[in-house]
Amino acid sequence: MREPGVNEPLDSKKHYLGRFDNDYAKHLHLNNPTSTNMHELERLNEITNTKNILSNIQENIDNDRE
């Protein structure tokens, strides 16, 4: 569950506090799809994929213990 205020805008420039997650990636793409932001989106996608892999590994470990 996400902590309250993690993705709340801090000011009119829409800077975000907290984790870089899919909401932030969507914000980057929708509000300023520059090449720099596209590079950032690719990096965030790699992080998300790595998290999913680690989650699957942890789930397999937990299942093996049962």
PDB file of N, CA and C in Angstrom:
ATOM      1  N   MET A   1       0.842  -1.192   0.000  1.00  0.00           N
ATOM      2  CA  MET A   1       0.000   0.000   0.000  1.00  0.00           C
ATOM      3  C   MET A   1       0.880   1.246   0.000  1.00  0.00           C
ATOM      4  N   ARG A   2       0.526   2.192  -0.790  1.00  0.00           N
ATOM      5  CA  ARG A   2       1.309   3.410  -0.941  1.00  0.00           C
ATOM      6  C   ARG A   2       1.099   4.329   0.258  1.00  0.00           C
ATOM      7  N   GLU A   3       2.187   4.961   0.686  1.00  0.00           N
ATOM      8  CA  GLU A   3       2.096   5.899   1.804  1.00  0.00           C
ATOM      9  C   GLU A   3       1.382   7.164   1.349  1.00  0.00           C
ATOM     10  N   PRO A   4       0.615   7.783   2.242  1.00  0.00           N
ATOM     11  CA  PRO A   4      -0.085   9.008   1.849  1.00  0.00           C
ATOM     12  C   PRO A   4       0.898  10.105   1.473  1.00  0.00           C
ATOM     13  N   GLY A   5       0.582  10.800   0.407  1.00  0.00           N
ATOM     14  CA  GLY A   5       1.391  11.943   0.010  1.00  0.00           C
ATOM     15  C   GLY A   5       2.611  11.623  -0.822  1.00  0.00           C
ATOM     16  N   VAL A   6       2.841  10.341  -1.155  1.00  0.00           N
ATOM     17  CA  VAL A   6       4.049  10.005  -1.899  1.00  0.00           C
ATOM     18  C   VAL A   6       4.074  10.699  -3.256  1.00  0.00           C
ATOM     19  N   ASN A   7       2.937  10.742  -3.919  1.00  0.00           N
ATOM     20  CA  ASN A   7       2.908  11.341  -5.254  1.00  0.00           C
ATOM     21  C   ASN A   7       2.151  12.658  -5.307  1.00  0.00           C
ATOM     22  N   GLU A   8       2.005  13.304  -4.174  1.00  0.00           N
ATOM     23  CA  GLU A   8       1.314  14.593  -4.160  1.00  0.00           C
ATOM     24  C   GLU A   8       2.242  15.676  -4.714  1.00  0.00           C
ATOM     25  N   PRO A   9       1.742  16.543  -5.600  1.00  0.00           N
ATOM     26  CA  PRO A   9       2.566  17.633  -6.111  1.00  0.00           C
ATOM     27  C   PRO A   9       2.982  18.579  -4.980  1.00  0.00           C
ATOM     28  N   LEU A  10       4.243  18.988  -5.017  1.00  0.00           N
ATOM     29  CA  LEU A  10       4.735  19.916  -4.001  1.00  0.00           C
ATOM     30  C   LEU A  10       4.470  21.367  -4.390  1.00  0.00           C
ATOM     31  N   ASP A  11       4.401  21.626  -5.689  1.00  0.00           N
ATOM     32  CA  ASP A  11       4.160  22.988  -6.150  1.00  0.00           C
ATOM     33  C   ASP A  11       3.604  22.943  -7.568  1.00  0.00           C
ATOM     34  N   SER A  12       3.445  24.101  -8.179  1.00  0.00           N
ATOM     35  CA  SER A  12       2.838  24.166  -9.508  1.00  0.00           C
ATOM     36  C   SER A  12       3.700  23.503 -10.582  1.00  0.00           C
ATOM     37  N   LYS A  13       4.983  23.305 -10.305  1.00  0.00           N
ATOM     38  CA  LYS A  13       5.861  22.650 -11.274  1.00  0.00           C
ATOM     39  C   LYS A  13       5.729  21.130 -11.225  1.00  0.00           C
ATOM     40  N   LYS A  14       4.907  20.638 -10.316  1.00  0.00           N
ATOM     41  CA  LYS A  14       4.611  19.211 -10.193  1.00  0.00           C
ATOM     42  C   LYS A  14       5.852  18.375  -9.894  1.00  0.00           C
ATOM     43  N   HIS A  15       6.658  18.823  -8.964  1.00  0.00           N
ATOM     44  CA  HIS A  15       7.738  17.983  -8.472  1.00  0.00           C
ATOM     45  C   HIS A  15       7.120  16.984  -7.512  1.00  0.00           C
ATOM     46  N   TYR A  16       7.648  15.781  -7.499  1.00  0.00           N
ATOM     47  CA  TYR A  16       7.058  14.735  -6.677  1.00  0.00           C
ATOM     48  C   TYR A  16       8.008  14.320  -5.558  1.00  0.00           C
ATOM     49  N   LEU A  17       7.398  13.945  -4.447  1.00  0.00           N
ATOM     50  CA  LEU A  17       8.144  13.488  -3.279  1.00  0.00           C
ATOM     51  C   LEU A  17       8.034  11.973  -3.208  1.00  0.00           C
ATOM     52  N   GLY A  18       9.129  11.312  -2.943  1.00  0.00           N
ATOM     53  CA  GLY A  18       9.056   9.872  -2.716  1.00  0.00           C
ATOM     54  C   GLY A  18       9.587   9.063  -3.877  1.00  0.00           C
ATOM     55  N   ARG A  19       9.072   7.857  -3.990  1.00  0.00           N
ATOM     56  CA  ARG A  19       9.576   6.883  -4.947  1.00  0.00           C
ATOM     57  C   ARG A  19       9.280   7.297  -6.387  1.00  0.00           C
ATOM     58  N   PHE A  20      10.194   6.857  -7.280  1.00  0.00           N
ATOM     59  CA  PHE A  20       9.905   6.939  -8.707  1.00  0.00           C
ATOM     60  C   PHE A  20       9.100   5.698  -9.044  1.00  0.00           C
ATOM     61  N   ASP A  21       7.866   5.863  -9.413  1.00  0.00           N
ATOM     62  CA  ASP A  21       7.029   4.712  -9.724  1.00  0.00           C
ATOM     63  C   ASP A  21       6.287   4.963 -11.022  1.00  0.00           C
ATOM     64  N   ASN A  22       5.354   4.109 -11.332  1.00  0.00           N
ATOM     65  CA  ASN A  22       4.652   4.224 -12.603  1.00  0.00           C
ATOM     66  C   ASN A  22       3.883   5.533 -12.727  1.00  0.00           C
ATOM     67  N   ASP A  23       3.325   6.034 -11.626  1.00  0.00           N
ATOM     68  CA  ASP A  23       2.606   7.309 -11.684  1.00  0.00           C
ATOM     69  C   ASP A  23       3.546   8.435 -12.097  1.00  0.00           C
ATOM     70  N   TYR A  24       4.755   8.413 -11.542  1.00  0.00           N
ATOM     71  CA  TYR A  24       5.732   9.443 -11.882  1.00  0.00           C
ATOM     72  C   TYR A  24       6.167   9.289 -13.341  1.00  0.00           C
ATOM     73  N   ALA A  25       6.327   8.040 -13.785  1.00  0.00           N
ATOM     74  CA  ALA A  25       6.702   7.799 -15.177  1.00  0.00           C
ATOM     75  C   ALA A  25       5.627   8.339 -16.116  1.00  0.00           C
ATOM     76  N   LYS A  26       4.364   8.104 -15.776  1.00  0.00           N
ATOM     77  CA  LYS A  26       3.264   8.630 -16.589  1.00  0.00           C
ATOM     78  C   LYS A  26       3.286  10.155 -16.582  1.00  0.00           C
ATOM     79  N   HIS A  27       3.572  10.740 -15.420  1.00  0.00           N
ATOM     80  CA  HIS A  27       3.662  12.200 -15.315  1.00  0.00           C
ATOM     81  C   HIS A  27       4.743  12.734 -16.258  1.00  0.00           C
ATOM     82  N   LEU A  28       5.912  12.090 -16.254  1.00  0.00           N
ATOM     83  CA  LEU A  28       6.992  12.531 -17.131  1.00  0.00           C
ATOM     84  C   LEU A  28       6.571  12.458 -18.591  1.00  0.00           C
ATOM     85  N   HIS A  29       6.000  11.339 -18.962  1.00  0.00           N
ATOM     86  CA  HIS A  29       5.656  11.125 -20.362  1.00  0.00           C
ATOM     87  C   HIS A  29       4.542  12.068 -20.822  1.00  0.00           C
ATOM     88  N   LEU A  30       3.520  12.219 -20.009  1.00  0.00           N
ATOM     89  CA  LEU A  30       2.369  13.015 -20.420  1.00  0.00           C
ATOM     90  C   LEU A  30       2.647  14.510 -20.396  1.00  0.00           C
ATOM     91  N   ASN A  31       3.521  14.941 -19.492  1.00  0.00           N
ATOM     92  CA  ASN A  31       3.746  16.370 -19.335  1.00  0.00           C
ATOM     93  C   ASN A  31       4.973  16.899 -20.068  1.00  0.00           C
ATOM     94  N   ASN A  32       5.891  16.021 -20.438  1.00  0.00           N
ATOM     95  CA  ASN A  32       7.102  16.487 -21.113  1.00  0.00           C
ATOM     96  C   ASN A  32       7.835  15.302 -21.743  1.00  0.00           C
ATOM     97  N   PRO A  33       7.323  14.760 -22.841  1.00  0.00           N
ATOM     98  CA  PRO A  33       7.934  13.560 -23.423  1.00  0.00           C
ATOM     99  C   PRO A  33       9.199  13.871 -24.227  1.00  0.00           C
ATOM    100  N   THR A  34      10.219  14.411 -23.569  1.00  0.00           N
ATOM    101  CA  THR A  34      11.489  14.716 -24.230  1.00  0.00           C
ATOM    102  C   THR A  34      12.346  13.462 -24.269  1.00  0.00           C
ATOM    103  N   SER A  35      13.443  13.527 -24.999  1.00  0.00           N
ATOM    104  CA  SER A  35      14.331  12.368 -25.080  1.00  0.00           C
ATOM    105  C   SER A  35      14.918  12.036 -23.712  1.00  0.00           C
ATOM    106  N   THR A  36      15.206  13.056 -22.903  1.00  0.00           N
ATOM    107  CA  THR A  36      15.723  12.815 -21.550  1.00  0.00           C
ATOM    108  C   THR A  36      14.699  12.058 -20.720  1.00  0.00           C
ATOM    109  N   ASN A  37      13.449  12.483 -20.806  1.00  0.00           N
ATOM    110  CA  ASN A  37      12.407  11.798 -20.053  1.00  0.00           C
ATOM    111  C   ASN A  37      12.161  10.396 -20.585  1.00  0.00           C
ATOM    112  N   MET A  38      12.295  10.203 -21.888  1.00  0.00           N
ATOM    113  CA  MET A  38      12.137   8.860 -22.443  1.00  0.00           C
ATOM    114  C   MET A  38      13.234   7.948 -21.897  1.00  0.00           C
ATOM    115  N   HIS A  39      14.443   8.479 -21.765  1.00  0.00           N
ATOM    116  CA  HIS A  39      15.530   7.700 -21.166  1.00  0.00           C
ATOM    117  C   HIS A  39      15.183   7.349 -19.720  1.00  0.00           C
ATOM    118  N   GLU A  40      14.631   8.296 -18.997  1.00  0.00           N
ATOM    119  CA  GLU A  40      14.219   8.062 -17.611  1.00  0.00           C
ATOM    120  C   GLU A  40      13.117   7.007 -17.549  1.00  0.00           C
ATOM    121  N   LEU A  41      12.176   7.052 -18.475  1.00  0.00           N
ATOM    122  CA  LEU A  41      11.107   6.048 -18.517  1.00  0.00           C
ATOM    123  C   LEU A  41      11.676   4.653 -18.758  1.00  0.00           C
ATOM    124  N   GLU A  42      12.663   4.553 -19.635  1.00  0.00           N
ATOM    125  CA  GLU A  42      13.295   3.255 -19.886  1.00  0.00           C
ATOM    126  C   GLU A  42      13.982   2.749 -18.621  1.00  0.00           C
ATOM    127  N   ARG A  43      14.652   3.639 -17.903  1.00  0.00           N
ATOM    128  CA  ARG A  43      15.329   3.253 -16.665  1.00  0.00           C
ATOM    129  C   ARG A  43      14.308   2.796 -15.627  1.00  0.00           C
ATOM    130  N   LEU A  44      13.198   3.513 -15.517  1.00  0.00           N
ATOM    131  CA  LEU A  44      12.153   3.133 -14.567  1.00  0.00           C
ATOM    132  C   LEU A  44      11.543   1.787 -14.938  1.00  0.00           C
ATOM    133  N   ASN A  45      11.406   1.530 -16.224  1.00  0.00           N
ATOM    134  CA  ASN A  45      10.881   0.249 -16.679  1.00  0.00           C
ATOM    135  C   ASN A  45      11.826  -0.884 -16.294  1.00  0.00           C
ATOM    136  N   GLU A  46      13.135  -0.661 -16.423  1.00  0.00           N
ATOM    137  CA  GLU A  46      14.118  -1.664 -16.015  1.00  0.00           C
ATOM    138  C   GLU A  46      14.026  -1.930 -14.516  1.00  0.00           C
ATOM    139  N   ILE A  47      13.853  -0.879 -13.722  1.00  0.00           N
ATOM    140  CA  ILE A  47      13.715  -1.039 -12.273  1.00  0.00           C
ATOM    141  C   ILE A  47      12.462  -1.851 -11.952  1.00  0.00           C
ATOM    142  N   THR A  48      11.359  -1.542 -12.629  1.00  0.00           N
ATOM    143  CA  THR A  48      10.109  -2.271 -12.406  1.00  0.00           C
ATOM    144  C   THR A  48      10.274  -3.740 -12.759  1.00  0.00           C
ATOM    145  N   ASN A  49      10.928  -4.020 -13.881  1.00  0.00           N
ATOM    146  CA  ASN A  49      11.155  -5.411 -14.278  1.00  0.00           C
ATOM    147  C   ASN A  49      12.014  -6.142 -13.259  1.00  0.00           C
ATOM    148  N   THR A  50      13.046  -5.482 -12.756  1.00  0.00           N
ATOM    149  CA  THR A  50      13.909  -6.091 -11.746  1.00  0.00           C
ATOM    150  C   THR A  50      13.131  -6.374 -10.473  1.00  0.00           C
ATOM    151  N   LYS A  51      12.285  -5.438 -10.045  1.00  0.00           N
ATOM    152  CA  LYS A  51      11.450  -5.657  -8.860  1.00  0.00           C
ATOM    153  C   LYS A  51      10.540  -6.860  -9.051  1.00  0.00           C
ATOM    154  N   ASN A  52       9.951  -6.993 -10.242  1.00  0.00           N
ATOM    155  CA  ASN A  52       9.067  -8.123 -10.522  1.00  0.00           C
ATOM    156  C   ASN A  52       9.826  -9.441 -10.476  1.00  0.00           C
ATOM    157  N   ILE A  53      11.032  -9.464 -11.028  1.00  0.00           N
ATOM    158  CA  ILE A  53      11.853 -10.674 -10.996  1.00  0.00           C
ATOM    159  C   ILE A  53      12.174 -11.048  -9.558  1.00  0.00           C
ATOM    160  N   LEU A  54      12.598 -10.067  -8.759  1.00  0.00           N
ATOM    161  CA  LEU A  54      12.925 -10.337  -7.356  1.00  0.00           C
ATOM    162  C   LEU A  54      11.704 -10.807  -6.579  1.00  0.00           C
ATOM    163  N   SER A  55      10.553 -10.230  -6.882  1.00  0.00           N
ATOM    164  CA  SER A  55       9.316 -10.640  -6.226  1.00  0.00           C
ATOM    165  C   SER A  55       8.981 -12.088  -6.568  1.00  0.00           C
ATOM    166  N   ASN A  56       9.163 -12.460  -7.838  1.00  0.00           N
ATOM    167  CA  ASN A  56       8.908 -13.838  -8.253  1.00  0.00           C
ATOM    168  C   ASN A  56       9.871 -14.809  -7.584  1.00  0.00           C
ATOM    169  N   ILE A  57      11.127 -14.424  -7.473  1.00  0.00           N
ATOM    170  CA  ILE A  57      12.111 -15.267  -6.792  1.00  0.00           C
ATOM    171  C   ILE A  57      11.723 -15.453  -5.335  1.00  0.00           C
ATOM    172  N   GLN A  58      11.344 -14.353  -4.672  1.00  0.00           N
ATOM    173  CA  GLN A  58      10.941 -14.441  -3.265  1.00  0.00           C
ATOM    174  C   GLN A  58       9.718 -15.333  -3.109  1.00  0.00           C
ATOM    175  N   GLU A  59       8.774 -15.218  -4.025  1.00  0.00           N
ATOM    176  CA  GLU A  59       7.567 -16.051  -3.972  1.00  0.00           C
ATOM    177  C   GLU A  59       7.934 -17.526  -4.132  1.00  0.00           C
ATOM    178  N   ASN A  60       8.872 -17.824  -5.040  1.00  0.00           N
ATOM    179  CA  ASN A  60       9.321 -19.207  -5.220  1.00  0.00           C
ATOM    180  C   ASN A  60      10.003 -19.734  -3.967  1.00  0.00           C
ATOM    181  N   ILE A  61      10.807 -18.906  -3.327  1.00  0.00           N
ATOM    182  CA  ILE A  61      11.477 -19.309  -2.086  1.00  0.00           C
ATOM    183  C   ILE A  61      10.438 -19.598  -1.011  1.00  0.00           C
ATOM    184  N   ASP A  62       9.466 -18.703  -0.880  1.00  0.00           N
ATOM    185  CA  ASP A  62       8.409 -18.890   0.120  1.00  0.00           C
ATOM    186  C   ASP A  62       7.613 -20.159  -0.151  1.00  0.00           C
ATOM    187  N   ASN A  63       7.321 -20.436  -1.423  1.00  0.00           N
ATOM    188  CA  ASN A  63       6.572 -21.643  -1.772  1.00  0.00           C
ATOM    189  C   ASN A  63       7.379 -22.905  -1.486  1.00  0.00           C
ATOM    190  N   ASP A  64       8.693 -22.853  -1.693  1.00  0.00           N
ATOM    191  CA  ASP A  64       9.548 -24.011  -1.424  1.00  0.00           C
ATOM    192  C   ASP A  64       9.612 -24.333   0.058  1.00  0.00           C
ATOM    193  N   ARG A  65       9.449 -23.329   0.903  1.00  0.00           N
ATOM    194  CA  ARG A  65       9.507 -23.536   2.358  1.00  0.00           C
ATOM    195  C   ARG A  65       8.251 -24.196   2.893  1.00  0.00           C
ATOM    196  N   GLU A  66       7.156 -24.103   2.155  1.00  0.00           N
ATOM    197  CA  GLU A  66       5.877 -24.652   2.626  1.00  0.00           C
ATOM    198  C   GLU A  66       5.804 -26.142   2.438  1.00  0.00           C
TER     199      GLU A  66
END
